[in-house]
Amino acid sequence: MTISLEREAQILRYYHAEHWRMGTIAAQLGIHRSVVARVIAQAGLPRPSRRRRASGVKSG
């Protein structure tokens, strides 16, 4: 599947600037998740760091 440069830019913006997950981007744009993964991989940009969530279990 070939997608437009505009669509590629949209995918990269959602992923890197908005911090959307690949599945969310795919659902929003109506494309397969593998297409989103391919665009992100071809861009060669580092994956954004995700903050770890607290476990919610209090110690002590």
Protein backbone atom coordinates (compact mmCIF):
# COMPACT_ATOMS: atom_id res chain seq x y z
CA MET A 1 0.00 0.00 0.00
CA THR A 2 1.36 3.38 -0.97
CA ILE A 3 0.40 6.37 1.12
CA SER A 4 0.82 10.05 0.40
CA LEU A 5 3.58 12.19 1.84
CA GLU A 6 0.88 14.17 3.63
CA ARG A 7 -0.38 10.99 5.33
CA GLU A 8 3.18 10.02 6.29
CA ALA A 9 3.70 13.45 7.87
CA GLN A 10 0.44 13.07 9.75
CA ILE A 11 1.50 9.65 11.10
CA LEU A 12 4.87 10.99 12.23
CA ARG A 13 3.29 14.03 13.88
CA TYR A 14 0.79 11.90 15.80
CA TYR A 15 3.53 9.51 16.90
CA HIS A 16 6.33 11.91 17.82
CA ALA A 17 4.60 15.18 18.73
CA GLU A 18 1.28 13.94 20.09
CA HIS A 19 2.70 10.67 21.54
CA TRP A 20 -0.12 8.55 20.13
CA ARG A 21 0.33 4.79 20.02
CA MET A 22 0.61 3.04 16.66
CA GLY A 23 -2.73 1.28 17.08
CA THR A 24 -4.47 4.55 17.88
CA ILE A 25 -3.00 6.21 14.80
CA ALA A 26 -4.05 3.29 12.61
CA ALA A 27 -7.60 3.34 13.94
CA GLN A 28 -7.91 7.12 13.57
CA LEU A 29 -6.64 7.10 9.97
CA GLY A 30 -8.37 3.88 8.91
CA ILE A 31 -5.16 2.07 7.94
CA HIS A 32 -3.47 -1.11 9.12
CA ARG A 33 -1.09 -0.92 12.08
CA SER A 34 1.71 -2.40 9.98
CA VAL A 35 1.53 0.62 7.65
CA VAL A 36 1.99 2.94 10.62
CA ALA A 37 4.90 0.84 11.90
CA ARG A 38 6.55 0.88 8.45
CA VAL A 39 6.29 4.68 8.14
CA ILE A 40 7.78 5.17 11.60
CA ALA A 41 10.60 2.68 10.92
CA GLN A 42 11.44 4.25 7.55
CA ALA A 43 11.66 7.70 9.11
CA GLY A 44 14.69 6.50 11.10
CA LEU A 45 13.78 8.64 14.09
CA PRO A 46 14.28 7.36 17.64
CA ARG A 47 11.27 6.04 19.48
CA PRO A 48 9.93 8.53 21.99
CA SER A 49 10.58 7.64 25.60
CA ARG A 50 7.55 6.66 27.61
CA ARG A 51 7.33 7.55 31.25
CA ARG A 52 6.85 4.58 33.52
CA ARG A 53 3.60 4.56 35.40
CA ALA A 54 3.52 4.14 39.15
CA SER A 55 2.33 0.71 40.24
CA GLY A 56 -0.38 2.09 42.47
CA VAL A 57 0.72 -0.20 45.29
CA LYS A 58 1.82 1.67 48.36
CA SER A 59 4.64 0.17 50.34
CA GLY A 60 5.01 0.44 54.03
